[in-house]
């Protein structure tokens, strides 16, 4: 199969994160086995929904080699804007492949499948590991479960394999990215008809907290000790949301919910920011919850592995990105980069697509990495 055919088959699975990714994992496992890989499943239940991960190893056992990490889940598609076909119907048009997950990141997984297939008759002196995980778009639980439970993952760590996380980077070598911290602050009230005095409007307690949160936000945008010029933007980019979820304007809001998400960089003092927000919540009597936290990622851009990877790709200097990936969860892998086909600007959009040229180049880049580290 070609890289476009692999990508198309992966897109056909509607593996939105809140659904089971079992069927697409079954397909990925069958491809890995067809490529001659030994495979291992790592599964778990999430609210009664099966989530599945598969790890494969091609070639000889032993030290060294390459370990590729991709995810099979995709973001929702409620706003798909192409009337001619749905988000899970892959269509090639104008040298682009359209479909949810084409860029993020089923096209990348397909490039690795196609790269291994192109070298299938070669004698791999060192192993090629391929991991396809769940829930990257939510909380990275799939990757976390793999690091805790997979025997093949433990094998690649003990063997010192070099790692690639295949998120879209336009095939530039990425040596660092931001993480993510999600906070939920809730004010509780009492619903009633607004013409009476029976209700308690939860928004009234939330408003003064939001004033303090605005001050904290402005601090994160101006405090030089919280900036890192390796990144663009160089700040944690806090995003604040607010919703009282009331269904009519004549109901006093029984709850008011604020979400705050920020993107720490490798040297960010996360604890100090979280503590300031929690202190403000406590001062105004609103409920505070740390919903989730994904670590940032950084490796030395001057390392031999990063420099070798640049030479094997497009020769452009390695760089940083402002989004996150599972790389932050793979701290045991010393030699690790983010490197994948497609542009992050096309990811998650209502007409998501990937350039056919990027798929072809992605296959070639991954094949080059395999030749260098496994043959």
Foldseek 3Di string as FASTA:
>chain_A
DALLVQLLVLLLDQQAQVAEPVVSQVVVVVLLVVLVWDKDKQWDADPNHIYIKMKTKDADAAAEFEEEEAESHFHDQPPQDDPVDDQSRWDDDPQWTWHTCCQRPSSFVSLLSNLSVVCSPPHWQYMYMYMYFGDFVPACVRVLSCCVPPPVNVRHLVRQYAYEYAHADQQFWAFWEWKKWKKKKKFFKAKDFQVDPPIGARVVLVVVLVVLVVVLVVCQVPVPQQFDVLEVVRGFPKDKDKDLPDDDPRMRRRMIMMMIMTIGTQNGPVVVSLVSSVVSSVVSVIDMDGPHIFGIGGADQPDPLNVVLCVLAPVDRHGHYHDGGCRSVPVSNRNYIYGHFDDCVQHPDSTRIGRNVSSVSSSSSSSSSSVVITD
